[in-house]
Amino acid sequence: VQLQASGGGLVQPGGSLRVSCVASGRLYSSHVMGWFRQAPGREREWLAAIRWGTGGTYYADAVKGRFTISRSSAKNTVYLQMNSLESEDTATYYCARSPRGLSNNPLEYDNWGQGTQVTVSS
């Protein structure tokens, strides 16, 4: 499975942005899709995950209530809707697949997209 992330860009503080990740190849109901981000000089941070089969969602405390993960099975795509963006949200955002179930550990994800840059600035 190859993952292609898109939708990043420049947004003002308080604004919204939706990033997308298209998977080429089949995703199975046992798979979990996750979103991570990484800012310069910082470790990769898990943000959210969604079970491909059930659609169950899980969030890091840092983004709960502001970010929403969703999926379209028909389009083989996972989304991350980001609201009330802050300068601290500036980072490269990555989507990834875990074949081993729900996890916030990047090592449990075996397929990664190339990342899309999100910059929050006035």
PDB file of N, CA and C in Angstrom:
ATOM      1  N   VAL A   1       0.853  -1.189   0.000  1.00  0.00           N
ATOM      2  CA  VAL A   1       0.000   0.000   0.000  1.00  0.00           C
ATOM      3  C   VAL A   1       0.888   1.238   0.000  1.00  0.00           C
ATOM      4  N   GLN A   2       0.588   2.155  -0.914  1.00  0.00           N
ATOM      5  CA  GLN A   2       1.265   3.452  -0.926  1.00  0.00           C
ATOM      6  C   GLN A   2       0.290   4.524  -0.476  1.00  0.00           C
ATOM      7  N   LEU A   3       0.799   5.455   0.313  1.00  0.00           N
ATOM      8  CA  LEU A   3      -0.032   6.514   0.867  1.00  0.00           C
ATOM      9  C   LEU A   3       0.422   7.859   0.329  1.00  0.00           C
ATOM     10  N   GLN A   4      -0.529   8.675  -0.079  1.00  0.00           N
ATOM     11  CA  GLN A   4      -0.240   9.988  -0.646  1.00  0.00           C
ATOM     12  C   GLN A   4      -1.019  11.038   0.127  1.00  0.00           C
ATOM     13  N   ALA A   5      -0.289  11.863   0.874  1.00  0.00           N
ATOM     14  CA  ALA A   5      -0.914  12.919   1.660  1.00  0.00           C
ATOM     15  C   ALA A   5      -0.945  14.217   0.873  1.00  0.00           C
ATOM     16  N   SER A   6      -1.974  15.003   1.114  1.00  0.00           N
ATOM     17  CA  SER A   6      -2.108  16.293   0.440  1.00  0.00           C
ATOM     18  C   SER A   6      -2.993  17.204   1.268  1.00  0.00           C
ATOM     19  N   GLY A   7      -3.060  18.469   0.839  1.00  0.00           N
ATOM     20  CA  GLY A   7      -3.977  19.408   1.475  1.00  0.00           C
ATOM     21  C   GLY A   7      -3.339  20.382   2.441  1.00  0.00           C
ATOM     22  N   GLY A   8      -2.048  20.255   2.676  1.00  0.00           N
ATOM     23  CA  GLY A   8      -1.390  21.195   3.564  1.00  0.00           C
ATOM     24  C   GLY A   8      -1.300  22.581   2.940  1.00  0.00           C
ATOM     25  N   GLY A   9      -0.868  23.537   3.752  1.00  0.00           N
ATOM     26  CA  GLY A   9      -0.731  24.893   3.250  1.00  0.00           C
ATOM     27  C   GLY A   9      -0.548  25.881   4.374  1.00  0.00           C
ATOM     28  N   LEU A  10      -0.703  27.148   4.034  1.00  0.00           N
ATOM     29  CA  LEU A  10      -0.576  28.240   4.987  1.00  0.00           C
ATOM     30  C   LEU A  10      -1.965  28.666   5.448  1.00  0.00           C
ATOM     31  N   VAL A  11      -2.160  28.747   6.754  1.00  0.00           N
ATOM     32  CA  VAL A  11      -3.450  29.139   7.302  1.00  0.00           C
ATOM     33  C   VAL A  11      -3.207  30.078   8.480  1.00  0.00           C
ATOM     34  N   GLN A  12      -4.120  30.998   8.680  1.00  0.00           N
ATOM     35  CA  GLN A  12      -3.984  31.948   9.773  1.00  0.00           C
ATOM     36  C   GLN A  12      -4.393  31.318  11.099  1.00  0.00           C
ATOM     37  N   PRO A  13      -3.847  31.802  12.195  1.00  0.00           N
ATOM     38  CA  PRO A  13      -4.283  31.296  13.506  1.00  0.00           C
ATOM     39  C   PRO A  13      -5.788  31.400  13.660  1.00  0.00           C
ATOM     40  N   GLY A  14      -6.374  30.345  14.198  1.00  0.00           N
ATOM     41  CA  GLY A  14      -7.818  30.277  14.338  1.00  0.00           C
ATOM     42  C   GLY A  14      -8.525  29.687  13.135  1.00  0.00           C
ATOM     43  N   GLY A  15      -7.785  29.478  12.065  1.00  0.00           N
ATOM     44  CA  GLY A  15      -8.375  28.950  10.841  1.00  0.00           C
ATOM     45  C   GLY A  15      -8.481  27.435  10.845  1.00  0.00           C
ATOM     46  N   SER A  16      -8.960  26.914   9.716  1.00  0.00           N
ATOM     47  CA  SER A  16      -9.190  25.479   9.563  1.00  0.00           C
ATOM     48  C   SER A  16      -8.516  24.982   8.300  1.00  0.00           C
ATOM     49  N   LEU A  17      -8.236  23.698   8.305  1.00  0.00           N
ATOM     50  CA  LEU A  17      -7.618  23.060   7.147  1.00  0.00           C
ATOM     51  C   LEU A  17      -7.953  21.575   7.200  1.00  0.00           C
ATOM     52  N   ARG A  18      -8.136  20.980   6.041  1.00  0.00           N
ATOM     53  CA  ARG A  18      -8.354  19.541   5.988  1.00  0.00           C
ATOM     54  C   ARG A  18      -7.257  18.919   5.126  1.00  0.00           C
ATOM     55  N   VAL A  19      -6.543  17.960   5.695  1.00  0.00           N
ATOM     56  CA  VAL A  19      -5.562  17.210   4.947  1.00  0.00           C
ATOM     57  C   VAL A  19      -6.126  15.831   4.628  1.00  0.00           C
ATOM     58  N   SER A  20      -5.668  15.281   3.512  1.00  0.00           N
ATOM     59  CA  SER A  20      -6.188  14.012   3.019  1.00  0.00           C
ATOM     60  C   SER A  20      -5.050  13.037   2.777  1.00  0.00           C
ATOM     61  N   CYS A  21      -5.393  11.767   2.773  1.00  0.00           N
ATOM     62  CA  CYS A  21      -4.404  10.721   2.517  1.00  0.00           C
ATOM     63  C   CYS A  21      -5.085   9.617   1.720  1.00  0.00           C
ATOM     64  N   VAL A  22      -4.643   9.461   0.478  1.00  0.00           N
ATOM     65  CA  VAL A  22      -5.205   8.443  -0.388  1.00  0.00           C
ATOM     66  C   VAL A  22      -4.316   7.212  -0.369  1.00  0.00           C
ATOM     67  N   ALA A  23      -4.938   6.071  -0.203  1.00  0.00           N
ATOM     68  CA  ALA A  23      -4.199   4.802  -0.212  1.00  0.00           C
ATOM     69  C   ALA A  23      -4.392   4.108  -1.558  1.00  0.00           C
ATOM     70  N   SER A  24      -3.269   3.752  -2.175  1.00  0.00           N
ATOM     71  CA  SER A  24      -3.336   2.940  -3.387  1.00  0.00           C
ATOM     72  C   SER A  24      -3.080   1.505  -2.975  1.00  0.00           C
ATOM     73  N   GLY A  25      -4.072   0.700  -3.100  1.00  0.00           N
ATOM     74  CA  GLY A  25      -3.982  -0.657  -2.593  1.00  0.00           C
ATOM     75  C   GLY A  25      -5.070  -0.877  -1.567  1.00  0.00           C
ATOM     76  N   ARG A  26      -5.351  -2.117  -1.313  1.00  0.00           N
ATOM     77  CA  ARG A  26      -6.485  -2.424  -0.451  1.00  0.00           C
ATOM     78  C   ARG A  26      -6.166  -2.217   1.024  1.00  0.00           C
ATOM     79  N   LEU A  27      -7.133  -1.639   1.702  1.00  0.00           N
ATOM     80  CA  LEU A  27      -7.084  -1.534   3.153  1.00  0.00           C
ATOM     81  C   LEU A  27      -8.094  -2.510   3.731  1.00  0.00           C
ATOM     82  N   TYR A  28      -7.681  -3.231   4.755  1.00  0.00           N
ATOM     83  CA  TYR A  28      -8.536  -4.250   5.341  1.00  0.00           C
ATOM     84  C   TYR A  28      -9.164  -3.740   6.633  1.00  0.00           C
ATOM     85  N   SER A  29     -10.222  -4.391   7.024  1.00  0.00           N
ATOM     86  CA  SER A  29     -10.968  -3.933   8.193  1.00  0.00           C
ATOM     87  C   SER A  29     -10.119  -3.977   9.461  1.00  0.00           C
ATOM     88  N   SER A  30      -9.093  -4.789   9.475  1.00  0.00           N
ATOM     89  CA  SER A  30      -8.228  -4.882  10.650  1.00  0.00           C
ATOM     90  C   SER A  30      -7.186  -3.770  10.714  1.00  0.00           C
ATOM     91  N   HIS A  31      -7.065  -3.011   9.642  1.00  0.00           N
ATOM     92  CA  HIS A  31      -6.058  -1.953   9.600  1.00  0.00           C
ATOM     93  C   HIS A  31      -6.512  -0.725  10.371  1.00  0.00           C
ATOM     94  N   VAL A  32      -5.526  -0.013  10.847  1.00  0.00           N
ATOM     95  CA  VAL A  32      -5.757   1.266  11.500  1.00  0.00           C
ATOM     96  C   VAL A  32      -4.970   2.322  10.741  1.00  0.00           C
ATOM     97  N   MET A  33      -5.600   3.415  10.442  1.00  0.00           N
ATOM     98  CA  MET A  33      -4.947   4.546   9.795  1.00  0.00           C
ATOM     99  C   MET A  33      -4.727   5.640  10.829  1.00  0.00           C
ATOM    100  N   GLY A  34      -3.522   6.197  10.811  1.00  0.00           N
ATOM    101  CA  GLY A  34      -3.198   7.221  11.789  1.00  0.00           C
ATOM    102  C   GLY A  34      -2.641   8.475  11.143  1.00  0.00           C
ATOM    103  N   TRP A  35      -2.759   9.565  11.872  1.00  0.00           N
ATOM    104  CA  TRP A  35      -2.123  10.825  11.505  1.00  0.00           C
ATOM    105  C   TRP A  35      -1.096  11.184  12.574  1.00  0.00           C
ATOM    106  N   PHE A  36       0.051  11.614  12.094  1.00  0.00           N
ATOM    107  CA  PHE A  36       1.129  12.080  12.950  1.00  0.00           C
ATOM    108  C   PHE A  36       1.577  13.445  12.448  1.00  0.00           C
ATOM    109  N   ARG A  37       2.367  14.104  13.242  1.00  0.00           N
ATOM    110  CA  ARG A  37       3.017  15.326  12.769  1.00  0.00           C
ATOM    111  C   ARG A  37       4.403  15.411  13.382  1.00  0.00           C
ATOM    112  N   GLN A  38       5.249  16.171  12.696  1.00  0.00           N
ATOM    113  CA  GLN A  38       6.601  16.368  13.191  1.00  0.00           C
ATOM    114  C   GLN A  38       7.049  17.779  12.862  1.00  0.00           C
ATOM    115  N   ALA A  39       7.408  18.493  13.910  1.00  0.00           N
ATOM    116  CA  ALA A  39       7.949  19.839  13.753  1.00  0.00           C
ATOM    117  C   ALA A  39       9.475  19.761  13.827  1.00  0.00           C
ATOM    118  N   PRO A  40      10.166  20.726  13.246  1.00  0.00           N
ATOM    119  CA  PRO A  40      11.631  20.707  13.267  1.00  0.00           C
ATOM    120  C   PRO A  40      12.177  20.606  14.690  1.00  0.00           C
ATOM    121  N   GLY A  41      13.089  19.667  14.888  1.00  0.00           N
ATOM    122  CA  GLY A  41      13.714  19.500  16.190  1.00  0.00           C
ATOM    123  C   GLY A  41      12.884  18.753  17.210  1.00  0.00           C
ATOM    124  N   ARG A  42      11.734  18.243  16.784  1.00  0.00           N
ATOM    125  CA  ARG A  42      10.851  17.548  17.722  1.00  0.00           C
ATOM    126  C   ARG A  42      10.594  16.129  17.233  1.00  0.00           C
ATOM    127  N   GLU A  43      10.168  15.269  18.145  1.00  0.00           N
ATOM    128  CA  GLU A  43       9.849  13.903  17.775  1.00  0.00           C
ATOM    129  C   GLU A  43       8.514  13.845  17.041  1.00  0.00           C
ATOM    130  N   ARG A  44       8.350  12.753  16.297  1.00  0.00           N
ATOM    131  CA  ARG A  44       7.079  12.560  15.607  1.00  0.00           C
ATOM    132  C   ARG A  44       5.985  12.318  16.647  1.00  0.00           C
ATOM    133  N   GLU A  45       4.876  13.002  16.488  1.00  0.00           N
ATOM    134  CA  GLU A  45       3.799  13.011  17.469  1.00  0.00           C
ATOM    135  C   GLU A  45       2.538  12.394  16.870  1.00  0.00           C
ATOM    136  N   TRP A  46       1.987  11.406  17.575  1.00  0.00           N
ATOM    137  CA  TRP A  46       0.731  10.819  17.149  1.00  0.00           C
ATOM    138  C   TRP A  46      -0.424  11.765  17.458  1.00  0.00           C
ATOM    139  N   LEU A  47      -1.355  11.889  16.518  1.00  0.00           N
ATOM    140  CA  LEU A  47      -2.484  12.806  16.671  1.00  0.00           C
ATOM    141  C   LEU A  47      -3.819  12.082  16.790  1.00  0.00           C
ATOM    142  N   ALA A  48      -4.048  11.149  15.878  1.00  0.00           N
ATOM    143  CA  ALA A  48      -5.356  10.517  15.811  1.00  0.00           C
ATOM    144  C   ALA A  48      -5.240   9.221  15.025  1.00  0.00           C
ATOM    145  N   ALA A  49      -6.225   8.356  15.234  1.00  0.00           N
ATOM    146  CA  ALA A  49      -6.276   7.099  14.502  1.00  0.00           C
ATOM    147  C   ALA A  49      -7.714   6.688  14.288  1.00  0.00           C
ATOM    148  N   ILE A  50      -7.925   5.904  13.232  1.00  0.00           N
ATOM    149  CA  ILE A  50      -9.253   5.428  12.914  1.00  0.00           C
ATOM    150  C   ILE A  50      -9.164   3.973  12.479  1.00  0.00           C
ATOM    151  N   ARG A  51     -10.053   3.171  13.002  1.00  0.00           N
ATOM    152  CA  ARG A  51     -10.129   1.777  12.578  1.00  0.00           C
ATOM    153  C   ARG A  51     -10.815   1.736  11.212  1.00  0.00           C
ATOM    154  N   TRP A  52     -10.157   1.120  10.240  1.00  0.00           N
ATOM    155  CA  TRP A  52     -10.708   1.141   8.894  1.00  0.00           C
ATOM    156  C   TRP A  52     -12.035   0.399   8.812  1.00  0.00           C
ATOM    157  N   GLY A  53     -12.163  -0.673   9.567  1.00  0.00           N
ATOM    158  CA  GLY A  53     -13.375  -1.474   9.494  1.00  0.00           C
ATOM    159  C   GLY A  53     -14.568  -0.828  10.178  1.00  0.00           C
ATOM    160  N   THR A  54     -14.411  -0.436  11.432  1.00  0.00           N
ATOM    161  CA  THR A  54     -15.536   0.060  12.218  1.00  0.00           C
ATOM    162  C   THR A  54     -15.679   1.579  12.169  1.00  0.00           C
ATOM    163  N   GLY A  55     -14.609   2.259  11.806  1.00  0.00           N
ATOM    164  CA  GLY A  55     -14.636   3.722  11.828  1.00  0.00           C
ATOM    165  C   GLY A  55     -14.414   4.303  13.213  1.00  0.00           C
ATOM    166  N   GLY A  56     -14.099   3.457  14.181  1.00  0.00           N
ATOM    167  CA  GLY A  56     -13.824   3.965  15.513  1.00  0.00           C
ATOM    168  C   GLY A  56     -12.636   4.904  15.525  1.00  0.00           C
ATOM    169  N   THR A  57     -12.752   6.006  16.264  1.00  0.00           N
ATOM    170  CA  THR A  57     -11.716   7.047  16.248  1.00  0.00           C
ATOM    171  C   THR A  57     -11.094   7.247  17.627  1.00  0.00           C
ATOM    172  N   TYR A  58      -9.861   7.711  17.608  1.00  0.00           N
ATOM    173  CA  TYR A  58      -9.091   7.903  18.838  1.00  0.00           C
ATOM    174  C   TYR A  58      -8.201   9.127  18.644  1.00  0.00           C
ATOM    175  N   TYR A  59      -8.045   9.903  19.730  1.00  0.00           N
ATOM    176  CA  TYR A  59      -7.323  11.160  19.607  1.00  0.00           C
ATOM    177  C   TYR A  59      -6.311  11.350  20.738  1.00  0.00           C
ATOM    178  N   ALA A  60      -5.229  12.039  20.397  1.00  0.00           N
ATOM    179  CA  ALA A  60      -4.322  12.502  21.431  1.00  0.00           C
ATOM    180  C   ALA A  60      -4.986  13.664  22.173  1.00  0.00           C
ATOM    181  N   ASP A  61      -4.681  13.791  23.443  1.00  0.00           N
ATOM    182  CA  ASP A  61      -5.279  14.857  24.245  1.00  0.00           C
ATOM    183  C   ASP A  61      -4.986  16.239  23.657  1.00  0.00           C
ATOM    184  N   ALA A  62      -3.826  16.371  23.011  1.00  0.00           N
ATOM    185  CA  ALA A  62      -3.419  17.681  22.504  1.00  0.00           C
ATOM    186  C   ALA A  62      -4.330  18.214  21.409  1.00  0.00           C
ATOM    187  N   VAL A  63      -5.046  17.319  20.718  1.00  0.00           N
ATOM    188  CA  VAL A  63      -5.871  17.757  19.596  1.00  0.00           C
ATOM    189  C   VAL A  63      -7.342  17.403  19.769  1.00  0.00           C
ATOM    190  N   LYS A  64      -7.682  16.717  20.827  1.00  0.00           N
ATOM    191  CA  LYS A  64      -9.068  16.302  21.040  1.00  0.00           C
ATOM    192  C   LYS A  64      -9.968  17.531  21.110  1.00  0.00           C
ATOM    193  N   GLY A  65     -11.036  17.490  20.345  1.00  0.00           N
ATOM    194  CA  GLY A  65     -11.967  18.608  20.306  1.00  0.00           C
ATOM    195  C   GLY A  65     -11.668  19.611  19.210  1.00  0.00           C
ATOM    196  N   ARG A  66     -10.470  19.587  18.664  1.00  0.00           N
ATOM    197  CA  ARG A  66     -10.105  20.495  17.569  1.00  0.00           C
ATOM    198  C   ARG A  66      -9.920  19.755  16.251  1.00  0.00           C
ATOM    199  N   PHE A  67      -9.402  18.536  16.303  1.00  0.00           N
ATOM    200  CA  PHE A  67      -9.139  17.755  15.097  1.00  0.00           C
ATOM    201  C   PHE A  67     -10.141  16.605  15.008  1.00  0.00           C
ATOM    202  N   THR A  68     -10.505  16.265  13.779  1.00  0.00           N
ATOM    203  CA  THR A  68     -11.414  15.152  13.534  1.00  0.00           C
ATOM    204  C   THR A  68     -10.850  14.275  12.429  1.00  0.00           C
ATOM    205  N   ILE A  69     -10.708  13.001  12.709  1.00  0.00           N
ATOM    206  CA  ILE A  69     -10.255  12.041  11.703  1.00  0.00           C
ATOM    207  C   ILE A  69     -11.482  11.323  11.148  1.00  0.00           C
ATOM    208  N   SER A  70     -11.469  11.081   9.859  1.00  0.00           N
ATOM    209  CA  SER A  70     -12.574  10.372   9.227  1.00  0.00           C
ATOM    210  C   SER A  70     -12.029   9.606   8.027  1.00  0.00           C
ATOM    211  N   ARG A  71     -12.888   8.800   7.451  1.00  0.00           N
ATOM    212  CA  ARG A  71     -12.450   8.029   6.293  1.00  0.00           C
ATOM    213  C   ARG A  71     -13.580   7.890   5.296  1.00  0.00           C
ATOM    214  N   SER A  72     -13.188   7.659   4.035  1.00  0.00           N
ATOM    215  CA  SER A  72     -14.116   7.304   2.979  1.00  0.00           C
ATOM    216  C   SER A  72     -13.649   5.979   2.399  1.00  0.00           C
ATOM    217  N   SER A  73     -14.393   4.946   2.675  1.00  0.00           N
ATOM    218  CA  SER A  73     -14.025   3.639   2.136  1.00  0.00           C
ATOM    219  C   SER A  73     -14.108   3.629   0.620  1.00  0.00           C
ATOM    220  N   ALA A  74     -15.092   4.341   0.085  1.00  0.00           N
ATOM    221  CA  ALA A  74     -15.283   4.374  -1.367  1.00  0.00           C
ATOM    222  C   ALA A  74     -14.092   5.018  -2.066  1.00  0.00           C
ATOM    223  N   LYS A  75     -13.496   6.002  -1.411  1.00  0.00           N
ATOM    224  CA  LYS A  75     -12.362   6.715  -2.003  1.00  0.00           C
ATOM    225  C   LYS A  75     -11.025   6.234  -1.464  1.00  0.00           C
ATOM    226  N   ASN A  76     -11.057   5.257  -0.556  1.00  0.00           N
ATOM    227  CA  ASN A  76      -9.819   4.753   0.042  1.00  0.00           C
ATOM    228  C   ASN A  76      -8.980   5.885   0.626  1.00  0.00           C
ATOM    229  N   THR A  77      -9.666   6.784   1.295  1.00  0.00           N
ATOM    230  CA  THR A  77      -9.033   8.018   1.752  1.00  0.00           C
ATOM    231  C   THR A  77      -9.343   8.250   3.231  1.00  0.00           C
ATOM    232  N   VAL A  78      -8.350   8.752   3.936  1.00  0.00           N
ATOM    233  CA  VAL A  78      -8.544   9.167   5.324  1.00  0.00           C
ATOM    234  C   VAL A  78      -8.272  10.666   5.402  1.00  0.00           C
ATOM    235  N   TYR A  79      -9.038  11.338   6.218  1.00  0.00           N
ATOM    236  CA  TYR A  79      -8.969  12.793   6.333  1.00  0.00           C
ATOM    237  C   TYR A  79      -8.617  13.199   7.762  1.00  0.00           C
ATOM    238  N   LEU A  80      -8.067  14.393   7.867  1.00  0.00           N
ATOM    239  CA  LEU A  80      -7.882  15.012   9.176  1.00  0.00           C
ATOM    240  C   LEU A  80      -8.361  16.456   9.059  1.00  0.00           C
ATOM    241  N   GLN A  81      -9.506  16.724   9.653  1.00  0.00           N
ATOM    242  CA  GLN A  81     -10.040  18.083   9.698  1.00  0.00           C
ATOM    243  C   GLN A  81      -9.465  18.779  10.919  1.00  0.00           C
ATOM    244  N   MET A  82      -8.845  19.919  10.700  1.00  0.00           N
ATOM    245  CA  MET A  82      -8.179  20.643  11.783  1.00  0.00           C
ATOM    246  C   MET A  82      -8.809  22.016  11.933  1.00  0.00           C
ATOM    247  N   ASN A  83      -9.335  22.285  13.110  1.00  0.00           N
ATOM    248  CA  ASN A  83      -9.981  23.564  13.405  1.00  0.00           C
ATOM    249  C   ASN A  83      -9.231  24.302  14.506  1.00  0.00           C
ATOM    250  N   SER A  84      -9.502  25.569  14.614  1.00  0.00           N
ATOM    251  CA  SER A  84      -8.887  26.409  15.660  1.00  0.00           C
ATOM    252  C   SER A  84      -7.377  26.225  15.687  1.00  0.00           C
ATOM    253  N   LEU A  85      -6.789  26.316  14.532  1.00  0.00           N
ATOM    254  CA  LEU A  85      -5.356  26.067  14.421  1.00  0.00           C
ATOM    255  C   LEU A  85      -4.547  27.138  15.124  1.00  0.00           C
ATOM    256  N   GLU A  86      -3.428  26.693  15.708  1.00  0.00           N
ATOM    257  CA  GLU A  86      -2.527  27.564  16.452  1.00  0.00           C
ATOM    258  C   GLU A  86      -1.138  27.459  15.842  1.00  0.00           C
ATOM    259  N   SER A  87      -0.296  28.414  16.165  1.00  0.00           N
ATOM    260  CA  SER A  87       1.056  28.381  15.616  1.00  0.00           C
ATOM    261  C   SER A  87       1.785  27.097  16.008  1.00  0.00           C
ATOM    262  N   GLU A  88       1.439  26.555  17.171  1.00  0.00           N
ATOM    263  CA  GLU A  88       2.081  25.315  17.631  1.00  0.00           C
ATOM    264  C   GLU A  88       1.696  24.100  16.791  1.00  0.00           C
ATOM    265  N   ASP A  89       0.691  24.255  15.936  1.00  0.00           N
ATOM    266  CA  ASP A  89       0.279  23.162  15.050  1.00  0.00           C
ATOM    267  C   ASP A  89       1.128  23.123  13.779  1.00  0.00           C
ATOM    268  N   THR A  90       2.003  24.089  13.600  1.00  0.00           N
ATOM    269  CA  THR A  90       2.872  24.105  12.424  1.00  0.00           C
ATOM    270  C   THR A  90       3.800  22.895  12.440  1.00  0.00           C
ATOM    271  N   ALA A  91       3.730  22.104  11.377  1.00  0.00           N
ATOM    272  CA  ALA A  91       4.511  20.864  11.307  1.00  0.00           C
ATOM    273  C   ALA A  91       4.272  20.217   9.944  1.00  0.00           C
ATOM    274  N   THR A  92       5.026  19.157   9.696  1.00  0.00           N
ATOM    275  CA  THR A  92       4.721  18.292   8.568  1.00  0.00           C
ATOM    276  C   THR A  92       3.812  17.187   9.070  1.00  0.00           C
ATOM    277  N   TYR A  93       2.712  16.988   8.369  1.00  0.00           N
ATOM    278  CA  TYR A  93       1.706  16.019   8.781  1.00  0.00           C
ATOM    279  C   TYR A  93       1.821  14.764   7.918  1.00  0.00           C
ATOM    280  N   TYR A  94       1.823  13.628   8.599  1.00  0.00           N
ATOM    281  CA  TYR A  94       1.985  12.341   7.937  1.00  0.00           C
ATOM    282  C   TYR A  94       0.807  11.427   8.227  1.00  0.00           C
ATOM    283  N   CYS A  95       0.400  10.670   7.221  1.00  0.00           N
ATOM    284  CA  CYS A  95      -0.546   9.591   7.448  1.00  0.00           C
ATOM    285  C   CYS A  95       0.236   8.282   7.418  1.00  0.00           C
ATOM    286  N   ALA A  96      -0.314   7.286   8.076  1.00  0.00           N
ATOM    287  CA  ALA A  96       0.368   6.004   8.166  1.00  0.00           C
ATOM    288  C   ALA A  96      -0.636   4.894   8.425  1.00  0.00           C
ATOM    289  N   ARG A  97      -0.233   3.686   8.083  1.00  0.00           N
ATOM    290  CA  ARG A  97      -1.085   2.514   8.305  1.00  0.00           C
ATOM    291  C   ARG A  97      -0.448   1.568   9.303  1.00  0.00           C
ATOM    292  N   SER A  98      -1.280   1.095  10.214  1.00  0.00           N
ATOM    293  CA  SER A  98      -0.841   0.036  11.123  1.00  0.00           C
ATOM    294  C   SER A  98      -1.606  -1.237  10.810  1.00  0.00           C
ATOM    295  N   PRO A  99      -0.891  -2.318  10.500  1.00  0.00           N
ATOM    296  CA  PRO A  99      -1.569  -3.600  10.271  1.00  0.00           C
ATOM    297  C   PRO A  99      -1.816  -4.363  11.563  1.00  0.00           C
ATOM    298  N   ARG A 100      -1.317  -3.816  12.666  1.00  0.00           N
ATOM    299  CA  ARG A 100      -1.359  -4.548  13.936  1.00  0.00           C
ATOM    300  C   ARG A 100      -2.335  -3.948  14.930  1.00  0.00           C
ATOM    301  N   GLY A 101      -3.185  -3.042  14.463  1.00  0.00           N
ATOM    302  CA  GLY A 101      -4.206  -2.515  15.351  1.00  0.00           C
ATOM    303  C   GLY A 101      -3.858  -1.152  15.887  1.00  0.00           C
ATOM    304  N   LEU A 102      -4.670  -0.709  16.810  1.00  0.00           N
ATOM    305  CA  LEU A 102      -4.568   0.643  17.328  1.00  0.00           C
ATOM    306  C   LEU A 102      -3.277   0.855  18.104  1.00  0.00           C
ATOM    307  N   SER A 103      -2.600   1.967  17.790  1.00  0.00           N
ATOM    308  CA  SER A 103      -1.372   2.295  18.497  1.00  0.00           C
ATOM    309  C   SER A 103      -1.048   3.756  18.295  1.00  0.00           C
ATOM    310  N   ASN A 104      -0.387   4.335  19.283  1.00  0.00           N
ATOM    311  CA  ASN A 104       0.141   5.689  19.135  1.00  0.00           C
ATOM    312  C   ASN A 104       1.659   5.667  18.943  1.00  0.00           C
ATOM    313  N   ASN A 105       2.197   4.482  18.760  1.00  0.00           N
ATOM    314  CA  ASN A 105       3.635   4.302  18.583  1.00  0.00           C
ATOM    315  C   ASN A 105       3.970   4.268  17.099  1.00  0.00           C
ATOM    316  N   PRO A 106       4.779   5.201  16.611  1.00  0.00           N
ATOM    317  CA  PRO A 106       5.106   5.211  15.185  1.00  0.00           C
ATOM    318  C   PRO A 106       5.720   3.893  14.703  1.00  0.00           C
ATOM    319  N   LEU A 107       6.372   3.169  15.574  1.00  0.00           N
ATOM    320  CA  LEU A 107       7.017   1.917  15.175  1.00  0.00           C
ATOM    321  C   LEU A 107       6.009   0.839  14.799  1.00  0.00           C
ATOM    322  N   GLU A 108       4.761   1.014  15.212  1.00  0.00           N
ATOM    323  CA  GLU A 108       3.722   0.030  14.882  1.00  0.00           C
ATOM    324  C   GLU A 108       3.110   0.282  13.508  1.00  0.00           C
ATOM    325  N   TYR A 109       3.514   1.361  12.867  1.00  0.00           N
ATOM    326  CA  TYR A 109       2.982   1.709  11.548  1.00  0.00           C
ATOM    327  C   TYR A 109       4.025   1.358  10.492  1.00  0.00           C
ATOM    328  N   ASP A 110       3.601   0.637   9.459  1.00  0.00           N
ATOM    329  CA  ASP A 110       4.581   0.137   8.492  1.00  0.00           C
ATOM    330  C   ASP A 110       4.524   0.816   7.138  1.00  0.00           C
ATOM    331  N   ASN A 111       3.511   1.627   6.895  1.00  0.00           N
ATOM    332  CA  ASN A 111       3.416   2.368   5.634  1.00  0.00           C
ATOM    333  C   ASN A 111       3.181   3.833   5.964  1.00  0.00           C
ATOM    334  N   TRP A 112       3.977   4.687   5.324  1.00  0.00           N
ATOM    335  CA  TRP A 112       3.894   6.118   5.609  1.00  0.00           C
ATOM    336  C   TRP A 112       3.741   6.910   4.314  1.00  0.00           C
ATOM    337  N   GLY A 113       2.920   7.943   4.377  1.00  0.00           N
ATOM    338  CA  GLY A 113       2.877   8.896   3.287  1.00  0.00           C
ATOM    339  C   GLY A 113       4.079   9.818   3.341  1.00  0.00           C
ATOM    340  N   GLN A 114       4.198  10.675   2.344  1.00  0.00           N
ATOM    341  CA  GLN A 114       5.382  11.523   2.224  1.00  0.00           C
ATOM    342  C   GLN A 114       5.302  12.780   3.072  1.00  0.00           C
ATOM    343  N   GLY A 115       4.144  13.062   3.638  1.00  0.00           N
ATOM    344  CA  GLY A 115       4.005  14.235   4.478  1.00  0.00           C
ATOM    345  C   GLY A 115       3.497  15.438   3.707  1.00  0.00           C
ATOM    346  N   THR A 116       2.748  16.267   4.391  1.00  0.00           N
ATOM    347  CA  THR A 116       2.262  17.513   3.814  1.00  0.00           C
ATOM    348  C   THR A 116       2.463  18.611   4.857  1.00  0.00           C
ATOM    349  N   GLN A 117       2.990  19.731   4.432  1.00  0.00           N
ATOM    350  CA  GLN A 117       3.376  20.809   5.341  1.00  0.00           C
ATOM    351  C   GLN A 117       2.179  21.675   5.692  1.00  0.00           C
ATOM    352  N   VAL A 118       1.989  21.901   6.980  1.00  0.00           N
ATOM    353  CA  VAL A 118       0.971  22.816   7.472  1.00  0.00           C
ATOM    354  C   VAL A 118       1.681  23.919   8.242  1.00  0.00           C
ATOM    355  N   THR A 119       1.433  25.147   7.834  1.00  0.00           N
ATOM    356  CA  THR A 119       2.036  26.294   8.490  1.00  0.00           C
ATOM    357  C   THR A 119       0.928  27.217   8.971  1.00  0.00           C
ATOM    358  N   VAL A 120       0.939  27.491  10.265  1.00  0.00           N
ATOM    359  CA  VAL A 120      -0.062  28.369  10.866  1.00  0.00           C
ATOM    360  C   VAL A 120       0.639  29.669  11.238  1.00  0.00           C
ATOM    361  N   SER A 121       0.279  30.721  10.526  1.00  0.00           N
ATOM    362  CA  SER A 121       0.956  31.988  10.726  1.00  0.00           C
ATOM    363  C   SER A 121       0.108  33.122  10.174  1.00  0.00           C
ATOM    364  N   SER A 122       0.228  34.277  10.812  1.00  0.00           N
ATOM    365  CA  SER A 122      -0.467  35.446  10.307  1.00  0.00           C
ATOM    366  C   SER A 122       0.428  36.238   9.367  1.00  0.00           C
TER     367      SER A 122
END
